[in-house]
């Protein structure tokens, strides 16, 4: 996609975002969305 000039987006952000909501359901507590981007940036750098 990127080689053809399209935006190419993979699923790591989706994985983290859905996990955040799952944890909220598991524990019945609220987690700020900022935590998603924090984890994403760290994992992306590591990978």
ModelCIF file with pLDDT and N, C-alpha, C, O atoms, coordinates in Angstrom:
data_MODEL
#
_entry.id   MODEL 
#
_entity.id                         1 
_entity.type                       polymer 
_entity.pdbx_number_of_molecules   1 
#
_entity_poly.entity_id                      1 
_entity_poly.type                           'polypeptide(L)' 
_entity_poly.nstd_linkage                   no 
_entity_poly.nstd_monomer                   no 
_entity_poly.pdbx_seq_one_letter_code       
;(UNK)(UNK)(UNK)(UNK)(UNK)(UNK)(UNK)(UNK)(UNK)(UNK)(UNK)(UNK)(UNK)(UNK)(UNK)(UNK)
(UNK)(UNK)(UNK)(UNK)(UNK)(UNK)(UNK)(UNK)(UNK)(UNK)(UNK)(UNK)(UNK)(UNK)(UNK)(UNK)
(UNK)(UNK)(UNK)(UNK)(UNK)(UNK)(UNK)(UNK)(UNK)(UNK)(UNK)(UNK)(UNK)(UNK)(UNK)
;
_entity_poly.pdbx_seq_one_letter_code_can   XXXXXXXXXXXXXXXXXXXXXXXXXXXXXXXXXXXXXXXXXXXXXXX 
_entity_poly.pdbx_strand_id                 A 
#
loop_
_entity_poly_seq.entity_id 
_entity_poly_seq.num 
_entity_poly_seq.mon_id 
_entity_poly_seq.hetero 
1 1  UNK n 
1 2  UNK n 
1 3  UNK n 
1 4  UNK n 
1 5  UNK n 
1 6  UNK n 
1 7  UNK n 
1 8  UNK n 
1 9  UNK n 
1 10 UNK n 
1 11 UNK n 
1 12 UNK n 
1 13 UNK n 
1 14 UNK n 
1 15 UNK n 
1 16 UNK n 
1 17 UNK n 
1 18 UNK n 
1 19 UNK n 
1 20 UNK n 
1 21 UNK n 
1 22 UNK n 
1 23 UNK n 
1 24 UNK n 
1 25 UNK n 
1 26 UNK n 
1 27 UNK n 
1 28 UNK n 
1 29 UNK n 
1 30 UNK n 
1 31 UNK n 
1 32 UNK n 
1 33 UNK n 
1 34 UNK n 
1 35 UNK n 
1 36 UNK n 
1 37 UNK n 
1 38 UNK n 
1 39 UNK n 
1 40 UNK n 
1 41 UNK n 
1 42 UNK n 
1 43 UNK n 
1 44 UNK n 
1 45 UNK n 
1 46 UNK n 
1 47 UNK n 
#
_struct_asym.id          A 
_struct_asym.entity_id   1 
#
loop_
_ma_qa_metric.id 
_ma_qa_metric.mode 
_ma_qa_metric.name 
_ma_qa_metric.software_group_id 
_ma_qa_metric.type 
1 global pLDDT . pLDDT 
2 local  pLDDT . pLDDT 
#
_ma_qa_metric_global.metric_id      1 
_ma_qa_metric_global.metric_value   96.47 
_ma_qa_metric_global.model_id       1 
_ma_qa_metric_global.ordinal_id     1 
#
loop_
_ma_qa_metric_local.label_asym_id 
_ma_qa_metric_local.label_comp_id 
_ma_qa_metric_local.label_seq_id 
_ma_qa_metric_local.metric_id 
_ma_qa_metric_local.metric_value 
_ma_qa_metric_local.model_id 
_ma_qa_metric_local.ordinal_id 
A UNK 1  2 98.00 1 1  
A UNK 2  2 98.00 1 2  
A UNK 3  2 98.00 1 3  
A UNK 4  2 98.00 1 4  
A UNK 5  2 98.00 1 5  
A UNK 6  2 98.00 1 6  
A UNK 7  2 98.00 1 7  
A UNK 8  2 98.00 1 8  
A UNK 9  2 98.00 1 9  
A UNK 10 2 97.00 1 10 
A UNK 11 2 97.00 1 11 
A UNK 12 2 96.00 1 12 
A UNK 13 2 97.00 1 13 
A UNK 14 2 97.00 1 14 
A UNK 15 2 96.00 1 15 
A UNK 16 2 97.00 1 16 
A UNK 17 2 97.00 1 17 
A UNK 18 2 97.00 1 18 
A UNK 19 2 97.00 1 19 
A UNK 20 2 98.00 1 20 
A UNK 21 2 97.00 1 21 
A UNK 22 2 98.00 1 22 
A UNK 23 2 98.00 1 23 
A UNK 24 2 98.00 1 24 
A UNK 25 2 98.00 1 25 
A UNK 26 2 98.00 1 26 
A UNK 27 2 97.00 1 27 
A UNK 28 2 96.00 1 28 
A UNK 29 2 95.00 1 29 
A UNK 30 2 96.00 1 30 
A UNK 31 2 97.00 1 31 
A UNK 32 2 95.00 1 32 
A UNK 33 2 94.00 1 33 
A UNK 34 2 95.00 1 34 
A UNK 35 2 97.00 1 35 
A UNK 36 2 97.00 1 36 
A UNK 37 2 96.00 1 37 
A UNK 38 2 97.00 1 38 
A UNK 39 2 97.00 1 39 
A UNK 40 2 97.00 1 40 
A UNK 41 2 96.00 1 41 
A UNK 42 2 96.00 1 42 
A UNK 43 2 95.00 1 43 
A UNK 44 2 93.00 1 44 
A UNK 45 2 94.00 1 45 
A UNK 46 2 91.00 1 46 
A UNK 47 2 88.00 1 47 
#
loop_
_atom_site.group_PDB 
_atom_site.id 
_atom_site.type_symbol 
_atom_site.label_atom_id 
_atom_site.label_alt_id 
_atom_site.label_comp_id 
_atom_site.label_asym_id 
_atom_site.label_entity_id 
_atom_site.label_seq_id 
_atom_site.pdbx_PDB_ins_code 
_atom_site.Cartn_x 
_atom_site.Cartn_y 
_atom_site.Cartn_z 
_atom_site.occupancy 
_atom_site.B_iso_or_equiv 
_atom_site.pdbx_formal_charge 
_atom_site.auth_seq_id 
_atom_site.auth_comp_id 
_atom_site.auth_asym_id 
_atom_site.auth_atom_id 
_atom_site.pdbx_PDB_model_num 
ATOM 1   N N  . UNK A 1 1  ? 0.835   -1.207 0.000  1.00 98.00 ? 1  UNK A N  1 
ATOM 2   C CA . UNK A 1 1  ? 0.000   0.000  0.000  1.00 98.00 ? 1  UNK A CA 1 
ATOM 3   C C  . UNK A 1 1  ? 0.869   1.256  0.000  1.00 98.00 ? 1  UNK A C  1 
ATOM 4   O O  . UNK A 1 1  ? 0.653   2.168  -0.798 1.00 98.00 ? 1  UNK A O  1 
ATOM 5   N N  . UNK A 1 2  ? 1.839   1.297  0.889  1.00 98.00 ? 2  UNK A N  1 
ATOM 6   C CA . UNK A 1 2  ? 2.718   2.471  0.969  1.00 98.00 ? 2  UNK A CA 1 
ATOM 7   C C  . UNK A 1 2  ? 3.495   2.661  -0.331 1.00 98.00 ? 2  UNK A C  1 
ATOM 8   O O  . UNK A 1 2  ? 3.705   3.792  -0.770 1.00 98.00 ? 2  UNK A O  1 
ATOM 9   N N  . UNK A 1 3  ? 3.922   1.559  -0.948 1.00 98.00 ? 3  UNK A N  1 
ATOM 10  C CA . UNK A 1 3  ? 4.690   1.665  -2.200 1.00 98.00 ? 3  UNK A CA 1 
ATOM 11  C C  . UNK A 1 3  ? 3.844   2.216  -3.342 1.00 98.00 ? 3  UNK A C  1 
ATOM 12  O O  . UNK A 1 3  ? 4.374   2.765  -4.307 1.00 98.00 ? 3  UNK A O  1 
ATOM 13  N N  . UNK A 1 4  ? 2.514   2.064  -3.226 1.00 98.00 ? 4  UNK A N  1 
ATOM 14  C CA . UNK A 1 4  ? 1.595   2.549  -4.255 1.00 98.00 ? 4  UNK A CA 1 
ATOM 15  C C  . UNK A 1 4  ? 1.005   3.917  -3.910 1.00 98.00 ? 4  UNK A C  1 
ATOM 16  O O  . UNK A 1 4  ? 0.125   4.407  -4.618 1.00 98.00 ? 4  UNK A O  1 
ATOM 17  N N  . UNK A 1 5  ? 1.480   4.532  -2.834 1.00 98.00 ? 5  UNK A N  1 
ATOM 18  C CA . UNK A 1 5  ? 1.003   5.858  -2.457 1.00 98.00 ? 5  UNK A CA 1 
ATOM 19  C C  . UNK A 1 5  ? -0.244  5.866  -1.600 1.00 98.00 ? 5  UNK A C  1 
ATOM 20  O O  . UNK A 1 5  ? -0.846  6.918  -1.386 1.00 98.00 ? 5  UNK A O  1 
ATOM 21  N N  . UNK A 1 6  ? -0.643  4.694  -1.104 1.00 98.00 ? 6  UNK A N  1 
ATOM 22  C CA . UNK A 1 6  ? -1.782  4.599  -0.206 1.00 98.00 ? 6  UNK A CA 1 
ATOM 23  C C  . UNK A 1 6  ? -1.287  4.629  1.242  1.00 98.00 ? 6  UNK A C  1 
ATOM 24  O O  . UNK A 1 6  ? -0.128  4.308  1.509  1.00 98.00 ? 6  UNK A O  1 
ATOM 25  N N  . UNK A 1 7  ? -2.153  5.011  2.169  1.00 98.00 ? 7  UNK A N  1 
ATOM 26  C CA . UNK A 1 7  ? -1.824  4.881  3.578  1.00 98.00 ? 7  UNK A CA 1 
ATOM 27  C C  . UNK A 1 7  ? -1.953  3.416  3.967  1.00 98.00 ? 7  UNK A C  1 
ATOM 28  O O  . UNK A 1 7  ? -2.946  2.772  3.630  1.00 98.00 ? 7  UNK A O  1 
ATOM 29  N N  . UNK A 1 8  ? -0.957  2.879  4.675  1.00 98.00 ? 8  UNK A N  1 
ATOM 30  C CA . UNK A 1 8  ? -0.993  1.505  5.151  1.00 98.00 ? 8  UNK A CA 1 
ATOM 31  C C  . UNK A 1 8  ? -0.972  1.477  6.664  1.00 98.00 ? 8  UNK A C  1 
ATOM 32  O O  . UNK A 1 8  ? -0.006  1.926  7.281  1.00 98.00 ? 8  UNK A O  1 
ATOM 33  N N  . UNK A 1 9  ? -2.036  0.950  7.274  1.00 98.00 ? 9  UNK A N  1 
ATOM 34  C CA . UNK A 1 9  ? -2.195  0.995  8.727  1.00 98.00 ? 9  UNK A CA 1 
ATOM 35  C C  . UNK A 1 9  ? -2.400  -0.430 9.245  1.00 98.00 ? 9  UNK A C  1 
ATOM 36  O O  . UNK A 1 9  ? -3.326  -1.119 8.816  1.00 98.00 ? 9  UNK A O  1 
ATOM 37  N N  . UNK A 1 10 ? -1.542  -0.870 10.161 1.00 97.00 ? 10 UNK A N  1 
ATOM 38  C CA . UNK A 1 10 ? -1.704  -2.200 10.738 1.00 97.00 ? 10 UNK A CA 1 
ATOM 39  C C  . UNK A 1 10 ? -2.404  -2.124 12.092 1.00 97.00 ? 10 UNK A C  1 
ATOM 40  O O  . UNK A 1 10 ? -2.793  -1.044 12.536 1.00 97.00 ? 10 UNK A O  1 
ATOM 41  N N  . UNK A 1 11 ? -2.562  -3.281 12.749 1.00 97.00 ? 11 UNK A N  1 
ATOM 42  C CA . UNK A 1 11 ? -3.537  -3.403 13.827 1.00 97.00 ? 11 UNK A CA 1 
ATOM 43  C C  . UNK A 1 11 ? -3.063  -3.237 15.257 1.00 97.00 ? 11 UNK A C  1 
ATOM 44  O O  . UNK A 1 11 ? -3.819  -3.530 16.183 1.00 97.00 ? 11 UNK A O  1 
ATOM 45  N N  . UNK A 1 12 ? -1.826  -2.772 15.475 1.00 96.00 ? 12 UNK A N  1 
ATOM 46  C CA . UNK A 1 12 ? -1.340  -2.693 16.851 1.00 96.00 ? 12 UNK A CA 1 
ATOM 47  C C  . UNK A 1 12 ? -2.147  -1.703 17.688 1.00 96.00 ? 12 UNK A C  1 
ATOM 48  O O  . UNK A 1 12 ? -2.469  -1.996 18.840 1.00 96.00 ? 12 UNK A O  1 
ATOM 49  N N  . UNK A 1 13 ? -2.479  -0.541 17.134 1.00 97.00 ? 13 UNK A N  1 
ATOM 50  C CA . UNK A 1 13 ? -3.281  0.426  17.895 1.00 97.00 ? 13 UNK A CA 1 
ATOM 51  C C  . UNK A 1 13 ? -4.651  -0.148 18.228 1.00 97.00 ? 13 UNK A C  1 
ATOM 52  O O  . UNK A 1 13 ? -5.152  0.040  19.337 1.00 97.00 ? 13 UNK A O  1 
ATOM 53  N N  . UNK A 1 14 ? -5.259  -0.846 17.275 1.00 97.00 ? 14 UNK A N  1 
ATOM 54  C CA . UNK A 1 14 ? -6.551  -1.471 17.525 1.00 97.00 ? 14 UNK A CA 1 
ATOM 55  C C  . UNK A 1 14 ? -6.440  -2.500 18.641 1.00 97.00 ? 14 UNK A C  1 
ATOM 56  O O  . UNK A 1 14 ? -7.305  -2.568 19.515 1.00 97.00 ? 14 UNK A O  1 
ATOM 57  N N  . UNK A 1 15 ? -5.370  -3.308 18.614 1.00 96.00 ? 15 UNK A N  1 
ATOM 58  C CA . UNK A 1 15 ? -5.172  -4.325 19.645 1.00 96.00 ? 15 UNK A CA 1 
ATOM 59  C C  . UNK A 1 15 ? -5.095  -3.694 21.028 1.00 96.00 ? 15 UNK A C  1 
ATOM 60  O O  . UNK A 1 15 ? -5.731  -4.168 21.970 1.00 96.00 ? 15 UNK A O  1 
ATOM 61  N N  . UNK A 1 16 ? -4.321  -2.631 21.148 1.00 97.00 ? 16 UNK A N  1 
ATOM 62  C CA . UNK A 1 16 ? -4.155  -1.974 22.448 1.00 97.00 ? 16 UNK A CA 1 
ATOM 63  C C  . UNK A 1 16 ? -5.453  -1.299 22.881 1.00 97.00 ? 16 UNK A C  1 
ATOM 64  O O  . UNK A 1 16 ? -5.836  -1.375 24.048 1.00 97.00 ? 16 UNK A O  1 
ATOM 65  N N  . UNK A 1 17 ? -6.129  -0.640 21.940 1.00 97.00 ? 17 UNK A N  1 
ATOM 66  C CA . UNK A 1 17 ? -7.376  0.059  22.268 1.00 97.00 ? 17 UNK A CA 1 
ATOM 67  C C  . UNK A 1 17 ? -8.465  -0.913 22.710 1.00 97.00 ? 17 UNK A C  1 
ATOM 68  O O  . UNK A 1 17 ? -9.172  -0.642 23.681 1.00 97.00 ? 17 UNK A O  1 
ATOM 69  N N  . UNK A 1 18 ? -8.613  -2.048 22.011 1.00 97.00 ? 18 UNK A N  1 
ATOM 70  C CA . UNK A 1 18 ? -9.633  -3.002 22.421 1.00 97.00 ? 18 UNK A CA 1 
ATOM 71  C C  . UNK A 1 18 ? -9.259  -3.655 23.746 1.00 97.00 ? 18 UNK A C  1 
ATOM 72  O O  . UNK A 1 18 ? -10.134 -3.989 24.545 1.00 97.00 ? 18 UNK A O  1 
ATOM 73  N N  . UNK A 1 19 ? -7.950  -3.838 23.983 1.00 97.00 ? 19 UNK A N  1 
ATOM 74  C CA . UNK A 1 19 ? -7.513  -4.402 25.272 1.00 97.00 ? 19 UNK A CA 1 
ATOM 75  C C  . UNK A 1 19 ? -7.829  -3.449 26.409 1.00 97.00 ? 19 UNK A C  1 
ATOM 76  O O  . UNK A 1 19 ? -8.216  -3.879 27.495 1.00 97.00 ? 19 UNK A O  1 
ATOM 77  N N  . UNK A 1 20 ? -7.667  -2.158 26.165 1.00 98.00 ? 20 UNK A N  1 
ATOM 78  C CA . UNK A 1 20 ? -7.982  -1.152 27.196 1.00 98.00 ? 20 UNK A CA 1 
ATOM 79  C C  . UNK A 1 20 ? -9.438  -1.239 27.605 1.00 98.00 ? 20 UNK A C  1 
ATOM 80  O O  . UNK A 1 20 ? -9.759  -1.207 28.793 1.00 98.00 ? 20 UNK A O  1 
ATOM 81  N N  . UNK A 1 21 ? -10.327 -1.351 26.614 1.00 97.00 ? 21 UNK A N  1 
ATOM 82  C CA . UNK A 1 21 ? -11.758 -1.468 26.921 1.00 97.00 ? 21 UNK A CA 1 
ATOM 83  C C  . UNK A 1 21 ? -12.050 -2.797 27.616 1.00 97.00 ? 21 UNK A C  1 
ATOM 84  O O  . UNK A 1 21 ? -12.880 -2.851 28.523 1.00 97.00 ? 21 UNK A O  1 
ATOM 85  N N  . UNK A 1 22 ? -11.372 -3.870 27.198 1.00 98.00 ? 22 UNK A N  1 
ATOM 86  C CA . UNK A 1 22 ? -11.569 -5.167 27.850 1.00 98.00 ? 22 UNK A CA 1 
ATOM 87  C C  . UNK A 1 22 ? -11.173 -5.109 29.322 1.00 98.00 ? 22 UNK A C  1 
ATOM 88  O O  . UNK A 1 22 ? -11.875 -5.647 30.178 1.00 98.00 ? 22 UNK A O  1 
ATOM 89  N N  . UNK A 1 23 ? -10.051 -4.457 29.617 1.00 98.00 ? 23 UNK A N  1 
ATOM 90  C CA . UNK A 1 23 ? -9.615  -4.323 31.011 1.00 98.00 ? 23 UNK A CA 1 
ATOM 91  C C  . UNK A 1 23 ? -10.636 -3.522 31.816 1.00 98.00 ? 23 UNK A C  1 
ATOM 92  O O  . UNK A 1 23 ? -10.906 -3.843 32.974 1.00 98.00 ? 23 UNK A O  1 
ATOM 93  N N  . UNK A 1 24 ? -11.201 -2.486 31.209 1.00 98.00 ? 24 UNK A N  1 
ATOM 94  C CA . UNK A 1 24 ? -12.237 -1.711 31.897 1.00 98.00 ? 24 UNK A CA 1 
ATOM 95  C C  . UNK A 1 24 ? -13.420 -2.599 32.260 1.00 98.00 ? 24 UNK A C  1 
ATOM 96  O O  . UNK A 1 24 ? -14.001 -2.455 33.336 1.00 98.00 ? 24 UNK A O  1 
ATOM 97  N N  . UNK A 1 25 ? -13.779 -3.524 31.356 1.00 98.00 ? 25 UNK A N  1 
ATOM 98  C CA . UNK A 1 25 ? -14.893 -4.444 31.625 1.00 98.00 ? 25 UNK A CA 1 
ATOM 99  C C  . UNK A 1 25 ? -14.484 -5.474 32.669 1.00 98.00 ? 25 UNK A C  1 
ATOM 100 O O  . UNK A 1 25 ? -15.254 -5.773 33.582 1.00 98.00 ? 25 UNK A O  1 
ATOM 101 N N  . UNK A 1 26 ? -13.280 -6.016 32.540 1.00 98.00 ? 26 UNK A N  1 
ATOM 102 C CA . UNK A 1 26 ? -12.779 -7.020 33.490 1.00 98.00 ? 26 UNK A CA 1 
ATOM 103 C C  . UNK A 1 26 ? -12.835 -6.485 34.919 1.00 98.00 ? 26 UNK A C  1 
ATOM 104 O O  . UNK A 1 26 ? -13.309 -7.167 35.828 1.00 98.00 ? 26 UNK A O  1 
ATOM 105 N N  . UNK A 1 27 ? -12.345 -5.256 35.110 1.00 97.00 ? 27 UNK A N  1 
ATOM 106 C CA . UNK A 1 27 ? -12.123 -4.715 36.454 1.00 97.00 ? 27 UNK A CA 1 
ATOM 107 C C  . UNK A 1 27 ? -13.145 -3.667 36.863 1.00 97.00 ? 27 UNK A C  1 
ATOM 108 O O  . UNK A 1 27 ? -13.107 -3.169 37.989 1.00 97.00 ? 27 UNK A O  1 
ATOM 109 N N  . UNK A 1 28 ? -14.061 -3.325 35.958 1.00 96.00 ? 28 UNK A N  1 
ATOM 110 C CA . UNK A 1 28 ? -15.071 -2.311 36.220 1.00 96.00 ? 28 UNK A CA 1 
ATOM 111 C C  . UNK A 1 28 ? -14.425 -1.001 36.673 1.00 96.00 ? 28 UNK A C  1 
ATOM 112 O O  . UNK A 1 28 ? -14.768 -0.443 37.715 1.00 96.00 ? 28 UNK A O  1 
ATOM 113 N N  . UNK A 1 29 ? -13.483 -0.530 35.861 1.00 95.00 ? 29 UNK A N  1 
ATOM 114 C CA . UNK A 1 29 ? -12.821 0.741  36.167 1.00 95.00 ? 29 UNK A CA 1 
ATOM 115 C C  . UNK A 1 29 ? -12.480 1.450  34.872 1.00 95.00 ? 29 UNK A C  1 
ATOM 116 O O  . UNK A 1 29 ? -12.378 0.812  33.825 1.00 95.00 ? 29 UNK A O  1 
ATOM 117 N N  . UNK A 1 30 ? -12.304 2.746  34.928 1.00 96.00 ? 30 UNK A N  1 
ATOM 118 C CA . UNK A 1 30 ? -12.032 3.575  33.752 1.00 96.00 ? 30 UNK A CA 1 
ATOM 119 C C  . UNK A 1 30 ? -10.527 3.764  33.574 1.00 96.00 ? 30 UNK A C  1 
ATOM 120 O O  . UNK A 1 30 ? -9.805  3.998  34.544 1.00 96.00 ? 30 UNK A O  1 
ATOM 121 N N  . UNK A 1 31 ? -10.061 3.662  32.332 1.00 97.00 ? 31 UNK A N  1 
ATOM 122 C CA . UNK A 1 31 ? -8.668  3.930  31.975 1.00 97.00 ? 31 UNK A CA 1 
ATOM 123 C C  . UNK A 1 31 ? -8.666  5.005  30.892 1.00 97.00 ? 31 UNK A C  1 
ATOM 124 O O  . UNK A 1 31 ? -9.419  4.910  29.922 1.00 97.00 ? 31 UNK A O  1 
ATOM 125 N N  . UNK A 1 32 ? -7.844  6.004  31.048 1.00 95.00 ? 32 UNK A N  1 
ATOM 126 C CA . UNK A 1 32 ? -7.806  7.102  30.084 1.00 95.00 ? 32 UNK A CA 1 
ATOM 127 C C  . UNK A 1 32 ? -7.258  6.625  28.737 1.00 95.00 ? 32 UNK A C  1 
ATOM 128 O O  . UNK A 1 32 ? -6.376  5.768  28.685 1.00 95.00 ? 32 UNK A O  1 
ATOM 129 N N  . UNK A 1 33 ? -7.791  7.191  27.646 1.00 94.00 ? 33 UNK A N  1 
ATOM 130 C CA . UNK A 1 33 ? -7.353  6.814  26.309 1.00 94.00 ? 33 UNK A CA 1 
ATOM 131 C C  . UNK A 1 33 ? -5.874  7.116  26.072 1.00 94.00 ? 33 UNK A C  1 
ATOM 132 O O  . UNK A 1 33 ? -5.238  6.480  25.231 1.00 94.00 ? 33 UNK A O  1 
ATOM 133 N N  . UNK A 1 34 ? -5.332  8.070  26.800 1.00 95.00 ? 34 UNK A N  1 
ATOM 134 C CA . UNK A 1 34 ? -3.922  8.396  26.633 1.00 95.00 ? 34 UNK A CA 1 
ATOM 135 C C  . UNK A 1 34 ? -3.001  7.218  26.872 1.00 95.00 ? 34 UNK A C  1 
ATOM 136 O O  . UNK A 1 34 ? -1.890  7.176  26.345 1.00 95.00 ? 34 UNK A O  1 
ATOM 137 N N  . UNK A 1 35 ? -3.454  6.268  27.659 1.00 97.00 ? 35 UNK A N  1 
ATOM 138 C CA . UNK A 1 35 ? -2.652  5.073  27.940 1.00 97.00 ? 35 UNK A CA 1 
ATOM 139 C C  . UNK A 1 35 ? -2.448  4.244  26.675 1.00 97.00 ? 35 UNK A C  1 
ATOM 140 O O  . UNK A 1 35 ? -1.419  3.586  26.523 1.00 97.00 ? 35 UNK A O  1 
ATOM 141 N N  . UNK A 1 36 ? -3.434  4.273  25.758 1.00 97.00 ? 36 UNK A N  1 
ATOM 142 C CA . UNK A 1 36 ? -3.318  3.525  24.503 1.00 97.00 ? 36 UNK A CA 1 
ATOM 143 C C  . UNK A 1 36 ? -2.121  4.024  23.708 1.00 97.00 ? 36 UNK A C  1 
ATOM 144 O O  . UNK A 1 36 ? -1.286  3.233  23.269 1.00 97.00 ? 36 UNK A O  1 
ATOM 145 N N  . UNK A 1 37 ? -2.038  5.337  23.523 1.00 96.00 ? 37 UNK A N  1 
ATOM 146 C CA . UNK A 1 37 ? -0.952  5.906  22.725 1.00 96.00 ? 37 UNK A CA 1 
ATOM 147 C C  . UNK A 1 37 ? 0.392   5.727  23.415 1.00 96.00 ? 37 UNK A C  1 
ATOM 148 O O  . UNK A 1 37 ? 1.411   5.530  22.754 1.00 96.00 ? 37 UNK A O  1 
ATOM 149 N N  . UNK A 1 38 ? 0.398   5.794  24.729 1.00 97.00 ? 38 UNK A N  1 
ATOM 150 C CA . UNK A 1 38 ? 1.643   5.594  25.480 1.00 97.00 ? 38 UNK A CA 1 
ATOM 151 C C  . UNK A 1 38 ? 2.204   4.193  25.233 1.00 97.00 ? 38 UNK A C  1 
ATOM 152 O O  . UNK A 1 38 ? 3.393   4.035  24.957 1.00 97.00 ? 38 UNK A O  1 
ATOM 153 N N  . UNK A 1 39 ? 1.344   3.180  25.334 1.00 97.00 ? 39 UNK A N  1 
ATOM 154 C CA . UNK A 1 39 ? 1.782   1.798  25.108 1.00 97.00 ? 39 UNK A CA 1 
ATOM 155 C C  . UNK A 1 39 ? 2.152   1.593  23.641 1.00 97.00 ? 39 UNK A C  1 
ATOM 156 O O  . UNK A 1 39 ? 3.142   0.930  23.332 1.00 97.00 ? 39 UNK A O  1 
ATOM 157 N N  . UNK A 1 40 ? 1.360   2.160  22.748 1.00 97.00 ? 40 UNK A N  1 
ATOM 158 C CA . UNK A 1 40 ? 1.622   2.007  21.316 1.00 97.00 ? 40 UNK A CA 1 
ATOM 159 C C  . UNK A 1 40 ? 2.995   2.562  20.941 1.00 97.00 ? 40 UNK A C  1 
ATOM 160 O O  . UNK A 1 40 ? 3.759   1.900  20.238 1.00 97.00 ? 40 UNK A O  1 
ATOM 161 N N  . UNK A 1 41 ? 3.305   3.749  21.396 1.00 96.00 ? 41 UNK A N  1 
ATOM 162 C CA . UNK A 1 41 ? 4.583   4.356  21.032 1.00 96.00 ? 41 UNK A CA 1 
ATOM 163 C C  . UNK A 1 41 ? 5.764   3.543  21.561 1.00 96.00 ? 41 UNK A C  1 
ATOM 164 O O  . UNK A 1 41 ? 6.772   3.382  20.872 1.00 96.00 ? 41 UNK A O  1 
ATOM 165 N N  . UNK A 1 42 ? 5.635   3.036  22.777 1.00 96.00 ? 42 UNK A N  1 
ATOM 166 C CA . UNK A 1 42 ? 6.716   2.223  23.342 1.00 96.00 ? 42 UNK A CA 1 
ATOM 167 C C  . UNK A 1 42 ? 6.873   0.915  22.580 1.00 96.00 ? 42 UNK A C  1 
ATOM 168 O O  . UNK A 1 42 ? 7.989   0.526  22.237 1.00 96.00 ? 42 UNK A O  1 
ATOM 169 N N  . UNK A 1 43 ? 5.751   0.228  22.310 1.00 95.00 ? 43 UNK A N  1 
ATOM 170 C CA . UNK A 1 43 ? 5.823   -1.053 21.614 1.00 95.00 ? 43 UNK A CA 1 
ATOM 171 C C  . UNK A 1 43 ? 6.324   -0.876 20.180 1.00 95.00 ? 43 UNK A C  1 
ATOM 172 O O  . UNK A 1 43 ? 7.114   -1.686 19.696 1.00 95.00 ? 43 UNK A O  1 
ATOM 173 N N  . UNK A 1 44 ? 5.878   0.160  19.512 1.00 93.00 ? 44 UNK A N  1 
ATOM 174 C CA . UNK A 1 44 ? 6.317   0.424  18.139 1.00 93.00 ? 44 UNK A CA 1 
ATOM 175 C C  . UNK A 1 44 ? 7.823   0.640  18.094 1.00 93.00 ? 44 UNK A C  1 
ATOM 176 O O  . UNK A 1 44 ? 8.507   0.128  17.207 1.00 93.00 ? 44 UNK A O  1 
ATOM 177 N N  . UNK A 1 45 ? 8.338   1.408  19.064 1.00 94.00 ? 45 UNK A N  1 
ATOM 178 C CA . UNK A 1 45 ? 9.787   1.649  19.116 1.00 94.00 ? 45 UNK A CA 1 
ATOM 179 C C  . UNK A 1 45 ? 10.540  0.348  19.380 1.00 94.00 ? 45 UNK A C  1 
ATOM 180 O O  . UNK A 1 45 ? 11.602  0.120  18.800 1.00 94.00 ? 45 UNK A O  1 
ATOM 181 N N  . UNK A 1 46 ? 10.006  -0.496 20.240 1.00 91.00 ? 46 UNK A N  1 
ATOM 182 C CA . UNK A 1 46 ? 10.660  -1.769 20.574 1.00 91.00 ? 46 UNK A CA 1 
ATOM 183 C C  . UNK A 1 46 ? 10.657  -2.732 19.394 1.00 91.00 ? 46 UNK A C  1 
ATOM 184 O O  . UNK A 1 46 ? 11.587  -3.522 19.227 1.00 91.00 ? 46 UNK A O  1 
ATOM 185 N N  . UNK A 1 47 ? 9.590   -2.664 18.560 1.00 88.00 ? 47 UNK A N  1 
ATOM 186 C CA . UNK A 1 47 ? 9.434   -3.639 17.490 1.00 88.00 ? 47 UNK A CA 1 
ATOM 187 C C  . UNK A 1 47 ? 10.110  -3.227 16.193 1.00 88.00 ? 47 UNK A C  1 
ATOM 188 O O  . UNK A 1 47 ? 10.055  -3.962 15.207 1.00 88.00 ? 47 UNK A O  1 
#
